[in-house]
Amino acid sequence: MTEPVAAAPMWKRVLAPILDWIMVFSVGGYLIGAATGGLEPGGFDLQGWPALLLLAVVVAYFYVGRRVVGGTLWDRFFGIGRPQPK
C-alpha cells in the first residue's frame, strides 16, 4: 500500500510535466544530435533511429522519474510528492 501524499496545486501538477518534457526533449535531442551528427544551425534534426532513441529517452525519463525515484526533476522543484509502492 502507498502512503498518502498531500495534493499539490493544479497549476504545479500541470506545469511540471510540461517543463519536464521541454527539458528532456531539448537536452536529449541536442545530446543525441551532437553524438549522431544531427545538429543544424537552428537546432537539431533527428531522423530514423536517433529520433526513436530520443523517444525512448523521454519515455524512460518519465517512467524512472515517476515510478522509481519518486518524482521527476520539476516534480521535486515544485514539491510534488509521488507515492511509491512498497
PDB file of N, CA and C in Angstrom:
ATOM      1  N   MET A   1       0.841  -1.169   0.000  1.00  0.00           N
ATOM      2  CA  MET A   1       0.000   0.000   0.000  1.00  0.00           C
ATOM      3  C   MET A   1       0.886   1.231   0.000  1.00  0.00           C
ATOM      4  N   THR A   2       0.465   2.279  -0.689  1.00  0.00           N
ATOM      5  CA  THR A   2       1.247   3.504  -0.739  1.00  0.00           C
ATOM      6  C   THR A   2       0.808   4.454   0.359  1.00  0.00           C
ATOM      7  N   GLU A   3       1.735   5.316   0.765  1.00  0.00           N
ATOM      8  CA  GLU A   3       1.422   6.296   1.791  1.00  0.00           C
ATOM      9  C   GLU A   3       0.705   7.483   1.149  1.00  0.00           C
ATOM     10  N   PRO A   4      -0.279   8.058   1.836  1.00  0.00           N
ATOM     11  CA  PRO A   4      -0.973   9.213   1.252  1.00  0.00           C
ATOM     12  C   PRO A   4      -0.040  10.422   1.182  1.00  0.00           C
ATOM     13  N   VAL A   5      -0.209  11.198   0.109  1.00  0.00           N
ATOM     14  CA  VAL A   5       0.600  12.386  -0.122  1.00  0.00           C
ATOM     15  C   VAL A   5      -0.346  13.556  -0.309  1.00  0.00           C
ATOM     16  N   ALA A   6      -0.025  14.702   0.270  1.00  0.00           N
ATOM     17  CA  ALA A   6      -0.869  15.884   0.123  1.00  0.00           C
ATOM     18  C   ALA A   6      -0.908  16.316  -1.345  1.00  0.00           C
ATOM     19  N   ALA A   7      -2.093  16.665  -1.813  1.00  0.00           N
ATOM     20  CA  ALA A   7      -2.261  17.068  -3.203  1.00  0.00           C
ATOM     21  C   ALA A   7      -1.617  18.432  -3.453  1.00  0.00           C
ATOM     22  N   ALA A   8      -0.890  18.525  -4.533  1.00  0.00           N
ATOM     23  CA  ALA A   8      -0.260  19.786  -4.926  1.00  0.00           C
ATOM     24  C   ALA A   8      -1.281  20.620  -5.699  1.00  0.00           C
ATOM     25  N   PRO A   9      -1.085  21.923  -5.748  1.00  0.00           N
ATOM     26  CA  PRO A   9      -1.997  22.763  -6.529  1.00  0.00           C
ATOM     27  C   PRO A   9      -2.017  22.335  -8.005  1.00  0.00           C
ATOM     28  N   MET A  10      -3.144  22.548  -8.651  1.00  0.00           N
ATOM     29  CA  MET A  10      -3.333  22.107 -10.032  1.00  0.00           C
ATOM     30  C   MET A  10      -2.295  22.730 -10.969  1.00  0.00           C
ATOM     31  N   TRP A  11      -1.968  23.991 -10.787  1.00  0.00           N
ATOM     32  CA  TRP A  11      -1.030  24.629 -11.706  1.00  0.00           C
ATOM     33  C   TRP A  11       0.350  23.969 -11.649  1.00  0.00           C
ATOM     34  N   LYS A  12       0.728  23.475 -10.467  1.00  0.00           N
ATOM     35  CA  LYS A  12       2.012  22.789 -10.350  1.00  0.00           C
ATOM     36  C   LYS A  12       1.960  21.429 -11.035  1.00  0.00           C
ATOM     37  N   ARG A  13       0.832  20.719 -10.876  1.00  0.00           N
ATOM     38  CA  ARG A  13       0.703  19.397 -11.485  1.00  0.00           C
ATOM     39  C   ARG A  13       0.607  19.463 -13.000  1.00  0.00           C
ATOM     40  N   VAL A  14       0.198  20.610 -13.549  1.00  0.00           N
ATOM     41  CA  VAL A  14       0.134  20.786 -14.996  1.00  0.00           C
ATOM     42  C   VAL A  14       1.478  21.287 -15.527  1.00  0.00           C
ATOM     43  N   LEU A  15       2.074  22.247 -14.826  1.00  0.00           N
ATOM     44  CA  LEU A  15       3.305  22.870 -15.306  1.00  0.00           C
ATOM     45  C   LEU A  15       4.516  21.937 -15.218  1.00  0.00           C
ATOM     46  N   ALA A  16       4.594  21.113 -14.190  1.00  0.00           N
ATOM     47  CA  ALA A  16       5.766  20.246 -14.005  1.00  0.00           C
ATOM     48  C   ALA A  16       6.000  19.298 -15.187  1.00  0.00           C
ATOM     49  N   PRO A  17       4.984  18.544 -15.673  1.00  0.00           N
ATOM     50  CA  PRO A  17       5.251  17.665 -16.816  1.00  0.00           C
ATOM     51  C   PRO A  17       5.574  18.423 -18.102  1.00  0.00           C
ATOM     52  N   ILE A  18       4.988  19.616 -18.257  1.00  0.00           N
ATOM     53  CA  ILE A  18       5.303  20.411 -19.450  1.00  0.00           C
ATOM     54  C   ILE A  18       6.773  20.822 -19.429  1.00  0.00           C
ATOM     55  N   LEU A  19       7.231  21.328 -18.292  1.00  0.00           N
ATOM     56  CA  LEU A  19       8.638  21.727 -18.184  1.00  0.00           C
ATOM     57  C   LEU A  19       9.574  20.520 -18.277  1.00  0.00           C
ATOM     58  N   ASP A  20       9.163  19.379 -17.703  1.00  0.00           N
ATOM     59  CA  ASP A  20       9.963  18.156 -17.829  1.00  0.00           C
ATOM     60  C   ASP A  20      10.113  17.764 -19.297  1.00  0.00           C
ATOM     61  N   TRP A  21       9.005  17.794 -20.030  1.00  0.00           N
ATOM     62  CA  TRP A  21       9.035  17.381 -21.432  1.00  0.00           C
ATOM     63  C   TRP A  21       9.923  18.311 -22.247  1.00  0.00           C
ATOM     64  N   ILE A  22       9.768  19.617 -22.056  1.00  0.00           N
ATOM     65  CA  ILE A  22      10.597  20.574 -22.796  1.00  0.00           C
ATOM     66  C   ILE A  22      12.077  20.351 -22.478  1.00  0.00           C
ATOM     67  N   MET A  23      12.379  20.153 -21.192  1.00  0.00           N
ATOM     68  CA  MET A  23      13.762  19.977 -20.774  1.00  0.00           C
ATOM     69  C   MET A  23      14.371  18.705 -21.363  1.00  0.00           C
ATOM     70  N   VAL A  24      13.702  17.574 -21.193  1.00  0.00           N
ATOM     71  CA  VAL A  24      14.290  16.311 -21.640  1.00  0.00           C
ATOM     72  C   VAL A  24      14.327  16.244 -23.171  1.00  0.00           C
ATOM     73  N   PHE A  25      13.345  16.832 -23.847  1.00  0.00           N
ATOM     74  CA  PHE A  25      13.341  16.839 -25.307  1.00  0.00           C
ATOM     75  C   PHE A  25      14.483  17.696 -25.846  1.00  0.00           C
ATOM     76  N   SER A  26      14.656  18.887 -25.296  1.00  0.00           N
ATOM     77  CA  SER A  26      15.692  19.768 -25.835  1.00  0.00           C
ATOM     78  C   SER A  26      17.102  19.298 -25.463  1.00  0.00           C
ATOM     79  N   VAL A  27      17.311  18.916 -24.213  1.00  0.00           N
ATOM     80  CA  VAL A  27      18.642  18.454 -23.804  1.00  0.00           C
ATOM     81  C   VAL A  27      18.956  17.111 -24.454  1.00  0.00           C
ATOM     82  N   GLY A  28      18.017  16.181 -24.398  1.00  0.00           N
ATOM     83  CA  GLY A  28      18.235  14.872 -25.026  1.00  0.00           C
ATOM     84  C   GLY A  28      18.418  14.983 -26.525  1.00  0.00           C
ATOM     85  N   GLY A  29      17.585  15.810 -27.169  1.00  0.00           N
ATOM     86  CA  GLY A  29      17.710  15.994 -28.616  1.00  0.00           C
ATOM     87  C   GLY A  29      19.039  16.603 -29.006  1.00  0.00           C
ATOM     88  N   TYR A  30      19.481  17.588 -28.232  1.00  0.00           N
ATOM     89  CA  TYR A  30      20.779  18.205 -28.526  1.00  0.00           C
ATOM     90  C   TYR A  30      21.914  17.197 -28.354  1.00  0.00           C
ATOM     91  N   LEU A  31      21.906  16.450 -27.246  1.00  0.00           N
ATOM     92  CA  LEU A  31      22.990  15.485 -26.997  1.00  0.00           C
ATOM     93  C   LEU A  31      22.996  14.363 -28.035  1.00  0.00           C
ATOM     94  N   ILE A  32      21.815  13.847 -28.367  1.00  0.00           N
ATOM     95  CA  ILE A  32      21.742  12.791 -29.382  1.00  0.00           C
ATOM     96  C   ILE A  32      22.134  13.355 -30.743  1.00  0.00           C
ATOM     97  N   GLY A  33      21.688  14.568 -31.051  1.00  0.00           N
ATOM     98  CA  GLY A  33      22.074  15.199 -32.312  1.00  0.00           C
ATOM     99  C   GLY A  33      23.572  15.434 -32.402  1.00  0.00           C
ATOM    100  N   ALA A  34      24.183  15.852 -31.299  1.00  0.00           N
ATOM    101  CA  ALA A  34      25.633  16.072 -31.287  1.00  0.00           C
ATOM    102  C   ALA A  34      26.386  14.751 -31.467  1.00  0.00           C
ATOM    103  N   ALA A  35      25.868  13.692 -30.886  1.00  0.00           N
ATOM    104  CA  ALA A  35      26.544  12.395 -30.970  1.00  0.00           C
ATOM    105  C   ALA A  35      26.362  11.723 -32.331  1.00  0.00           C
ATOM    106  N   THR A  36      25.259  12.038 -33.028  1.00  0.00           N
ATOM    107  CA  THR A  36      24.967  11.349 -34.296  1.00  0.00           C
ATOM    108  C   THR A  36      25.097  12.243 -35.519  1.00  0.00           C
ATOM    109  N   GLY A  37      25.523  13.486 -35.342  1.00  0.00           N
ATOM    110  CA  GLY A  37      25.675  14.385 -36.477  1.00  0.00           C
ATOM    111  C   GLY A  37      24.364  14.998 -36.936  1.00  0.00           C
ATOM    112  N   GLY A  38      23.392  15.096 -36.050  1.00  0.00           N
ATOM    113  CA  GLY A  38      22.090  15.638 -36.411  1.00  0.00           C
ATOM    114  C   GLY A  38      21.889  17.084 -36.010  1.00  0.00           C
ATOM    115  N   LEU A  39      22.972  17.807 -35.740  1.00  0.00           N
ATOM    116  CA  LEU A  39      22.833  19.215 -35.366  1.00  0.00           C
ATOM    117  C   LEU A  39      22.742  20.082 -36.617  1.00  0.00           C
ATOM    118  N   GLU A  40      21.859  21.040 -36.581  1.00  0.00           N
ATOM    119  CA  GLU A  40      21.657  22.012 -37.656  1.00  0.00           C
ATOM    120  C   GLU A  40      21.950  23.392 -37.079  1.00  0.00           C
ATOM    121  N   PRO A  41      22.093  24.422 -37.913  1.00  0.00           N
ATOM    122  CA  PRO A  41      22.303  25.780 -37.371  1.00  0.00           C
ATOM    123  C   PRO A  41      21.153  26.258 -36.482  1.00  0.00           C
ATOM    124  N   GLY A  42      19.930  25.808 -36.726  1.00  0.00           N
ATOM    125  CA  GLY A  42      18.789  26.242 -35.927  1.00  0.00           C
ATOM    126  C   GLY A  42      18.401  25.276 -34.824  1.00  0.00           C
ATOM    127  N   GLY A  43      19.175  24.249 -34.572  1.00  0.00           N
ATOM    128  CA  GLY A  43      18.836  23.271 -33.530  1.00  0.00           C
ATOM    129  C   GLY A  43      19.291  21.881 -33.927  1.00  0.00           C
ATOM    130  N   PHE A  44      18.399  20.905 -33.799  1.00  0.00           N
ATOM    131  CA  PHE A  44      18.752  19.537 -34.170  1.00  0.00           C
ATOM    132  C   PHE A  44      17.678  18.971 -35.083  1.00  0.00           C
ATOM    133  N   ASP A  45      18.103  18.037 -35.932  1.00  0.00           N
ATOM    134  CA  ASP A  45      17.196  17.367 -36.857  1.00  0.00           C
ATOM    135  C   ASP A  45      17.491  15.873 -36.775  1.00  0.00           C
ATOM    136  N   LEU A  46      16.637  15.160 -36.081  1.00  0.00           N
ATOM    137  CA  LEU A  46      16.851  13.729 -35.879  1.00  0.00           C
ATOM    138  C   LEU A  46      15.925  12.948 -36.801  1.00  0.00           C
ATOM    139  N   GLN A  47      16.486  11.995 -37.502  1.00  0.00           N
ATOM    140  CA  GLN A  47      15.740  11.136 -38.418  1.00  0.00           C
ATOM    141  C   GLN A  47      16.097   9.676 -38.113  1.00  0.00           C
ATOM    142  N   GLY A  48      15.151   8.781 -38.253  1.00  0.00           N
ATOM    143  CA  GLY A  48      15.429   7.357 -38.094  1.00  0.00           C
ATOM    144  C   GLY A  48      15.675   6.957 -36.656  1.00  0.00           C
ATOM    145  N   TRP A  49      16.729   6.142 -36.455  1.00  0.00           N
ATOM    146  CA  TRP A  49      16.979   5.598 -35.125  1.00  0.00           C
ATOM    147  C   TRP A  49      17.337   6.659 -34.087  1.00  0.00           C
ATOM    148  N   PRO A  50      17.998   7.776 -34.437  1.00  0.00           N
ATOM    149  CA  PRO A  50      18.214   8.798 -33.396  1.00  0.00           C
ATOM    150  C   PRO A  50      16.900   9.394 -32.875  1.00  0.00           C
ATOM    151  N   ALA A  51      15.920   9.544 -33.754  1.00  0.00           N
ATOM    152  CA  ALA A  51      14.613  10.046 -33.312  1.00  0.00           C
ATOM    153  C   ALA A  51      13.931   9.039 -32.394  1.00  0.00           C
ATOM    154  N   LEU A  52      14.050   7.759 -32.722  1.00  0.00           N
ATOM    155  CA  LEU A  52      13.481   6.722 -31.854  1.00  0.00           C
ATOM    156  C   LEU A  52      14.221   6.659 -30.520  1.00  0.00           C
ATOM    157  N   LEU A  53      15.519   6.884 -30.555  1.00  0.00           N
ATOM    158  CA  LEU A  53      16.292   6.927 -29.318  1.00  0.00           C
ATOM    159  C   LEU A  53      15.831   8.080 -28.431  1.00  0.00           C
ATOM    160  N   LEU A  54      15.567   9.241 -29.024  1.00  0.00           N
ATOM    161  CA  LEU A  54      15.058  10.376 -28.247  1.00  0.00           C
ATOM    162  C   LEU A  54      13.699  10.051 -27.641  1.00  0.00           C
ATOM    163  N   LEU A  55      12.843   9.410 -28.391  1.00  0.00           N
ATOM    164  CA  LEU A  55      11.540   8.990 -27.862  1.00  0.00           C
ATOM    165  C   LEU A  55      11.721   8.033 -26.684  1.00  0.00           C
ATOM    166  N   ALA A  56      12.639   7.093 -26.815  1.00  0.00           N
ATOM    167  CA  ALA A  56      12.902   6.146 -25.724  1.00  0.00           C
ATOM    168  C   ALA A  56      13.467   6.864 -24.497  1.00  0.00           C
ATOM    169  N   VAL A  57      14.297   7.879 -24.699  1.00  0.00           N
ATOM    170  CA  VAL A  57      14.858   8.641 -23.582  1.00  0.00           C
ATOM    171  C   VAL A  57      13.753   9.394 -22.849  1.00  0.00           C
ATOM    172  N   VAL A  58      12.835   9.997 -23.595  1.00  0.00           N
ATOM    173  CA  VAL A  58      11.720  10.729 -22.979  1.00  0.00           C
ATOM    174  C   VAL A  58      10.847   9.780 -22.165  1.00  0.00           C
ATOM    175  N   VAL A  59      10.500   8.634 -22.736  1.00  0.00           N
ATOM    176  CA  VAL A  59       9.672   7.653 -22.024  1.00  0.00           C
ATOM    177  C   VAL A  59      10.398   7.139 -20.786  1.00  0.00           C
ATOM    178  N   ALA A  60      11.675   6.825 -20.916  1.00  0.00           N
ATOM    179  CA  ALA A  60      12.452   6.331 -19.771  1.00  0.00           C
ATOM    180  C   ALA A  60      12.556   7.383 -18.671  1.00  0.00           C
ATOM    181  N   TYR A  61      12.732   8.642 -19.038  1.00  0.00           N
ATOM    182  CA  TYR A  61      12.814   9.718 -18.052  1.00  0.00           C
ATOM    183  C   TYR A  61      11.542   9.781 -17.211  1.00  0.00           C
ATOM    184  N   PHE A  62      10.399   9.762 -17.878  1.00  0.00           N
ATOM    185  CA  PHE A  62       9.148   9.850 -17.126  1.00  0.00           C
ATOM    186  C   PHE A  62       8.873   8.572 -16.335  1.00  0.00           C
ATOM    187  N   TYR A  63       9.208   7.411 -16.887  1.00  0.00           N
ATOM    188  CA  TYR A  63       8.989   6.167 -16.149  1.00  0.00           C
ATOM    189  C   TYR A  63       9.861   6.117 -14.902  1.00  0.00           C
ATOM    190  N   VAL A  64      11.136   6.365 -15.073  1.00  0.00           N
ATOM    191  CA  VAL A  64      12.058   6.312 -13.931  1.00  0.00           C
ATOM    192  C   VAL A  64      11.709   7.402 -12.926  1.00  0.00           C
ATOM    193  N   GLY A  65      11.431   8.597 -13.416  1.00  0.00           N
ATOM    194  CA  GLY A  65      11.112   9.698 -12.519  1.00  0.00           C
ATOM    195  C   GLY A  65       9.853   9.465 -11.705  1.00  0.00           C
ATOM    196  N   ARG A  66       8.835   8.936 -12.336  1.00  0.00           N
ATOM    197  CA  ARG A  66       7.560   8.765 -11.639  1.00  0.00           C
ATOM    198  C   ARG A  66       7.489   7.478 -10.833  1.00  0.00           C
ATOM    199  N   ARG A  67       8.032   6.391 -11.350  1.00  0.00           N
ATOM    200  CA  ARG A  67       7.844   5.080 -10.726  1.00  0.00           C
ATOM    201  C   ARG A  67       9.002   4.591  -9.877  1.00  0.00           C
ATOM    202  N   VAL A  68      10.196   5.072 -10.148  1.00  0.00           N
ATOM    203  CA  VAL A  68      11.367   4.512  -9.472  1.00  0.00           C
ATOM    204  C   VAL A  68      11.921   5.459  -8.409  1.00  0.00           C
ATOM    205  N   VAL A  69      12.143   6.713  -8.756  1.00  0.00           N
ATOM    206  CA  VAL A  69      12.829   7.621  -7.836  1.00  0.00           C
ATOM    207  C   VAL A  69      11.905   8.581  -7.105  1.00  0.00           C
ATOM    208  N   GLY A  70      10.614   8.505  -7.316  1.00  0.00           N
ATOM    209  CA  GLY A  70       9.683   9.311  -6.532  1.00  0.00           C
ATOM    210  C   GLY A  70       9.387  10.701  -7.060  1.00  0.00           C
ATOM    211  N   GLY A  71       9.740  10.985  -8.290  1.00  0.00           N
ATOM    212  CA  GLY A  71       9.423  12.286  -8.875  1.00  0.00           C
ATOM    213  C   GLY A  71      10.480  12.732  -9.863  1.00  0.00           C
ATOM    214  N   THR A  72      10.035  13.430 -10.891  1.00  0.00           N
ATOM    215  CA  THR A  72      10.960  13.966 -11.877  1.00  0.00           C
ATOM    216  C   THR A  72      11.631  15.222 -11.323  1.00  0.00           C
ATOM    217  N   LEU A  73      12.513  15.792 -12.096  1.00  0.00           N
ATOM    218  CA  LEU A  73      13.232  16.986 -11.651  1.00  0.00           C
ATOM    219  C   LEU A  73      12.273  18.115 -11.300  1.00  0.00           C
ATOM    220  N   TRP A  74      11.298  18.403 -12.156  1.00  0.00           N
ATOM    221  CA  TRP A  74      10.371  19.508 -11.900  1.00  0.00           C
ATOM    222  C   TRP A  74       9.343  19.146 -10.835  1.00  0.00           C
ATOM    223  N   ASP A  75       9.017  17.860 -10.667  1.00  0.00           N
ATOM    224  CA  ASP A  75       8.177  17.447  -9.538  1.00  0.00           C
ATOM    225  C   ASP A  75       8.871  17.817  -8.231  1.00  0.00           C
ATOM    226  N   ARG A  76      10.143  17.532  -8.157  1.00  0.00           N
ATOM    227  CA  ARG A  76      10.905  17.837  -6.948  1.00  0.00           C
ATOM    228  C   ARG A  76      11.064  19.335  -6.753  1.00  0.00           C
ATOM    229  N   PHE A  77      11.281  20.077  -7.843  1.00  0.00           N
ATOM    230  CA  PHE A  77      11.424  21.522  -7.748  1.00  0.00           C
ATOM    231  C   PHE A  77      10.153  22.161  -7.189  1.00  0.00           C
ATOM    232  N   PHE A  78       8.983  21.696  -7.652  1.00  0.00           N
ATOM    233  CA  PHE A  78       7.710  22.242  -7.193  1.00  0.00           C
ATOM    234  C   PHE A  78       7.194  21.573  -5.923  1.00  0.00           C
ATOM    235  N   GLY A  79       7.893  20.567  -5.414  1.00  0.00           N
ATOM    236  CA  GLY A  79       7.480  19.903  -4.188  1.00  0.00           C
ATOM    237  C   GLY A  79       6.271  19.001  -4.351  1.00  0.00           C
ATOM    238  N   ILE A  80       6.139  18.377  -5.517  1.00  0.00           N
ATOM    239  CA  ILE A  80       5.022  17.465  -5.771  1.00  0.00           C
ATOM    240  C   ILE A  80       5.445  16.070  -5.324  1.00  0.00           C
ATOM    241  N   GLY A  81       4.720  15.510  -4.376  1.00  0.00           N
ATOM    242  CA  GLY A  81       5.050  14.179  -3.883  1.00  0.00           C
ATOM    243  C   GLY A  81       4.458  13.100  -4.760  1.00  0.00           C
ATOM    244  N   ARG A  82       5.223  12.081  -5.029  1.00  0.00           N
ATOM    245  CA  ARG A  82       4.771  10.921  -5.796  1.00  0.00           C
ATOM    246  C   ARG A  82       4.857   9.710  -4.893  1.00  0.00           C
ATOM    247  N   PRO A  83       3.729   9.170  -4.467  1.00  0.00           N
ATOM    248  CA  PRO A  83       3.785   7.990  -3.598  1.00  0.00           C
ATOM    249  C   PRO A  83       4.356   6.799  -4.348  1.00  0.00           C
ATOM    250  N   GLN A  84       5.178   6.025  -3.668  1.00  0.00           N
ATOM    251  CA  GLN A  84       5.815   4.867  -4.264  1.00  0.00           C
ATOM    252  C   GLN A  84       5.298   3.592  -3.610  1.00  0.00           C
ATOM    253  N   PRO A  85       5.049   2.560  -4.419  1.00  0.00           N
ATOM    254  CA  PRO A  85       4.631   1.285  -3.823  1.00  0.00           C
ATOM    255  C   PRO A  85       5.768   0.676  -3.011  1.00  0.00           C
ATOM    256  N   LYS A  86       5.395  -0.041  -1.967  1.00  0.00           N
ATOM    257  CA  LYS A  86       6.414  -0.666  -1.109  1.00  0.00           C
ATOM    258  C   LYS A  86       6.760  -2.047  -1.577  1.00  0.00           C
TER     259      LYS A  86
END
